[in-house]
Amino acid sequence: MRGTEGLGFYQSSSRLAEHGLPCKVYCAKCRTPILDEGRRMVMLFPTLVRGITTAAGREAFAATQHLFYGQRVVDFGRDGRPKWEGLDGQSRPMDDEGNVVEGTGET
């Protein structure tokens, strides 16, 4: 297969089965979800990545930072990654418990 042959698309905002951002991408034959595509991001189903269950695979996809940490639904605890109240560099940094770190000069 080449290009988008064999893929199906769905835009939930317009309820249309066509490609446009953001949209859901799935196998056109069996309807297995593949990914959600946004304007500047892709959420890929990890089980579709070969080697993801190995230590090297997990490290390759490890988070480098946590955005909107105050609104998290999973506690990442002391993973050593920077945590932000909102977007990185545009909001205040947070500690591992989700408290804003004061006095850093961030806006």
C-alpha atoms as a PDB file:
ATOM      1  CA  MET A   1       0.000   0.000   0.000  1.00  0.00           C
ATOM      2  CA  ARG A   2       1.097   3.539  -0.644  1.00  0.00           C
ATOM      3  CA  GLY A   3       0.098   6.833   0.910  1.00  0.00           C
ATOM      4  CA  THR A   4      -3.320   6.788   2.509  1.00  0.00           C
ATOM      5  CA  GLU A   5      -4.579   3.728   0.620  1.00  0.00           C
ATOM      6  CA  GLY A   6      -6.214   1.398   3.138  1.00  0.00           C
ATOM      7  CA  LEU A   7      -6.803   4.117   5.742  1.00  0.00           C
ATOM      8  CA  GLY A   8     -10.110   5.526   6.903  1.00  0.00           C
ATOM      9  CA  PHE A   9     -10.612   8.971   8.397  1.00  0.00           C
ATOM     10  CA  TYR A  10     -13.225  10.503  10.654  1.00  0.00           C
ATOM     11  CA  GLN A  11     -13.669  14.088  11.831  1.00  0.00           C
ATOM     12  CA  SER A  12     -15.771  14.019  14.982  1.00  0.00           C
ATOM     13  CA  SER A  13     -16.346  17.795  14.936  1.00  0.00           C
ATOM     14  CA  SER A  14     -18.055  17.698  11.530  1.00  0.00           C
ATOM     15  CA  ARG A  15     -19.087  14.028  11.672  1.00  0.00           C
ATOM     16  CA  LEU A  16     -17.605  13.472   8.221  1.00  0.00           C
ATOM     17  CA  ALA A  17     -15.630  10.452   7.023  1.00  0.00           C
ATOM     18  CA  GLU A  18     -12.865  12.483   5.409  1.00  0.00           C
ATOM     19  CA  HIS A  19      -9.379  13.713   6.236  1.00  0.00           C
ATOM     20  CA  GLY A  20      -9.127  17.081   7.920  1.00  0.00           C
ATOM     21  CA  LEU A  21      -7.537  18.128  11.185  1.00  0.00           C
ATOM     22  CA  PRO A  22      -8.170  16.989  13.812  1.00  0.00           C
ATOM     23  CA  CYS A  23      -9.285  13.493  12.818  1.00  0.00           C
ATOM     24  CA  LYS A  24      -9.200   9.849  13.758  1.00  0.00           C
ATOM     25  CA  VAL A  25      -7.333   7.433  11.491  1.00  0.00           C
ATOM     26  CA  TYR A  26      -8.213   3.757  11.306  1.00  0.00           C
ATOM     27  CA  CYS A  27      -7.764   0.695   9.078  1.00  0.00           C
ATOM     28  CA  ALA A  28     -10.346   0.938   6.291  1.00  0.00           C
ATOM     29  CA  LYS A  29     -10.639  -2.858   6.149  1.00  0.00           C
ATOM     30  CA  CYS A  30     -11.072  -3.903   9.802  1.00  0.00           C
ATOM     31  CA  ARG A  31     -11.677  -0.479  11.448  1.00  0.00           C
ATOM     32  CA  THR A  32      -8.836  -0.919  13.972  1.00  0.00           C
ATOM     33  CA  PRO A  33      -7.935   2.520  15.411  1.00  0.00           C
ATOM     34  CA  ILE A  34      -4.434   3.620  14.425  1.00  0.00           C
ATOM     35  CA  LEU A  35      -4.015   7.191  15.623  1.00  0.00           C
ATOM     36  CA  ASP A  36      -5.596  10.544  16.325  1.00  0.00           C
ATOM     37  CA  GLU A  37      -4.102  13.343  14.259  1.00  0.00           C
ATOM     38  CA  GLY A  38      -4.193  16.921  15.457  1.00  0.00           C
ATOM     39  CA  ARG A  39      -2.897  20.178  14.072  1.00  0.00           C
ATOM     40  CA  ARG A  40       0.562  19.804  15.611  1.00  0.00           C
ATOM     41  CA  MET A  41       0.471  16.372  17.245  1.00  0.00           C
ATOM     42  CA  VAL A  42      -0.227  12.704  16.696  1.00  0.00           C
ATOM     43  CA  MET A  43      -1.512  10.294  19.338  1.00  0.00           C
ATOM     44  CA  LEU A  44      -0.411   6.865  18.159  1.00  0.00           C
ATOM     45  CA  PHE A  45      -1.661   3.664  19.758  1.00  0.00           C
ATOM     46  CA  PRO A  46       1.494   2.263  21.425  1.00  0.00           C
ATOM     47  CA  THR A  47       0.599  -1.354  20.689  1.00  0.00           C
ATOM     48  CA  LEU A  48       1.143  -0.623  16.987  1.00  0.00           C
ATOM     49  CA  VAL A  49       4.812   0.233  17.547  1.00  0.00           C
ATOM     50  CA  ARG A  50       7.151  -2.739  17.151  1.00  0.00           C
ATOM     51  CA  GLY A  51       9.482  -3.108  20.143  1.00  0.00           C
ATOM     52  CA  ILE A  52       7.516  -0.836  22.491  1.00  0.00           C
ATOM     53  CA  THR A  53       7.454  -3.548  25.168  1.00  0.00           C
ATOM     54  CA  THR A  54      11.256  -3.682  25.404  1.00  0.00           C
ATOM     55  CA  ALA A  55      13.253  -1.445  27.765  1.00  0.00           C
ATOM     56  CA  ALA A  56      14.763   0.389  24.789  1.00  0.00           C
ATOM     57  CA  GLY A  57      11.319   0.872  23.262  1.00  0.00           C
ATOM     58  CA  ARG A  58       9.855   2.289  26.461  1.00  0.00           C
ATOM     59  CA  GLU A  59      12.817   4.656  26.864  1.00  0.00           C
ATOM     60  CA  ALA A  60      12.472   5.852  23.270  1.00  0.00           C
ATOM     61  CA  PHE A  61       8.885   6.919  24.000  1.00  0.00           C
ATOM     62  CA  ALA A  62       9.431   8.168  27.544  1.00  0.00           C
ATOM     63  CA  ALA A  63       8.025  11.580  28.376  1.00  0.00           C
ATOM     64  CA  THR A  64      10.526  14.429  28.409  1.00  0.00           C
ATOM     65  CA  GLN A  65       8.227  16.717  30.437  1.00  0.00           C
ATOM     66  CA  HIS A  66       4.656  16.953  31.719  1.00  0.00           C
ATOM     67  CA  LEU A  67       2.327  19.738  30.537  1.00  0.00           C
ATOM     68  CA  PHE A  68      -0.819  20.859  32.401  1.00  0.00           C
ATOM     69  CA  TYR A  69       0.452  18.882  35.409  1.00  0.00           C
ATOM     70  CA  GLY A  70      -2.044  20.480  37.796  1.00  0.00           C
ATOM     71  CA  GLN A  71      -4.857  18.883  35.778  1.00  0.00           C
ATOM     72  CA  ARG A  72      -3.293  15.413  35.581  1.00  0.00           C
ATOM     73  CA  VAL A  73      -5.349  12.278  36.070  1.00  0.00           C
ATOM     74  CA  VAL A  74      -2.261  10.086  36.618  1.00  0.00           C
ATOM     75  CA  ASP A  75       0.409  10.871  39.191  1.00  0.00           C
ATOM     76  CA  PHE A  76       3.893  10.606  37.652  1.00  0.00           C
ATOM     77  CA  GLY A  77       5.599  11.325  40.950  1.00  0.00           C
ATOM     78  CA  ARG A  78       9.338  11.634  41.106  1.00  0.00           C
ATOM     79  CA  ASP A  79      10.284  10.773  37.531  1.00  0.00           C
ATOM     80  CA  GLY A  80      12.825  13.604  37.250  1.00  0.00           C
ATOM     81  CA  ARG A  81      10.970  15.248  34.352  1.00  0.00           C
ATOM     82  CA  PRO A  82      10.038  18.944  34.339  1.00  0.00           C
ATOM     83  CA  LYS A  83       6.405  19.640  35.144  1.00  0.00           C
ATOM     84  CA  TRP A  84       4.451  22.709  34.011  1.00  0.00           C
ATOM     85  CA  GLU A  85       1.193  24.307  35.118  1.00  0.00           C
ATOM     86  CA  GLY A  86       0.252  24.807  31.451  1.00  0.00           C
ATOM     87  CA  LEU A  87       2.445  24.888  28.371  1.00  0.00           C
ATOM     88  CA  ASP A  88       6.201  24.560  28.783  1.00  0.00           C
ATOM     89  CA  GLY A  89       8.012  27.881  28.997  1.00  0.00           C
ATOM     90  CA  GLN A  90       4.696  29.763  28.949  1.00  0.00           C
ATOM     91  CA  SER A  91       3.478  28.825  32.433  1.00  0.00           C
ATOM     92  CA  ARG A  92       4.838  28.269  35.904  1.00  0.00           C
ATOM     93  CA  PRO A  93       6.892  25.175  36.751  1.00  0.00           C
ATOM     94  CA  MET A  94       5.472  22.723  39.279  1.00  0.00           C
ATOM     95  CA  ASP A  95       7.013  20.270  41.737  1.00  0.00           C
ATOM     96  CA  ASP A  96       6.332  16.523  41.837  1.00  0.00           C
ATOM     97  CA  GLU A  97       3.239  17.013  44.017  1.00  0.00           C
ATOM     98  CA  GLY A  98       1.709  19.550  41.628  1.00  0.00           C
ATOM     99  CA  ASN A  99       2.524  22.708  43.613  1.00  0.00           C
ATOM    100  CA  VAL A 100       3.633  25.796  41.704  1.00  0.00           C
ATOM    101  CA  VAL A 101       7.317  26.537  42.222  1.00  0.00           C
ATOM    102  CA  GLU A 102       7.511  30.182  43.238  1.00  0.00           C
ATOM    103  CA  GLY A 103      10.316  32.631  42.474  1.00  0.00           C
ATOM    104  CA  THR A 104      11.466  31.177  39.145  1.00  0.00           C
ATOM    105  CA  GLY A 105      10.656  34.270  37.091  1.00  0.00           C
ATOM    106  CA  GLU A 106       8.348  32.386  34.702  1.00  0.00           C
ATOM    107  CA  THR A 107       5.140  34.033  33.509  1.00  0.00           C
END
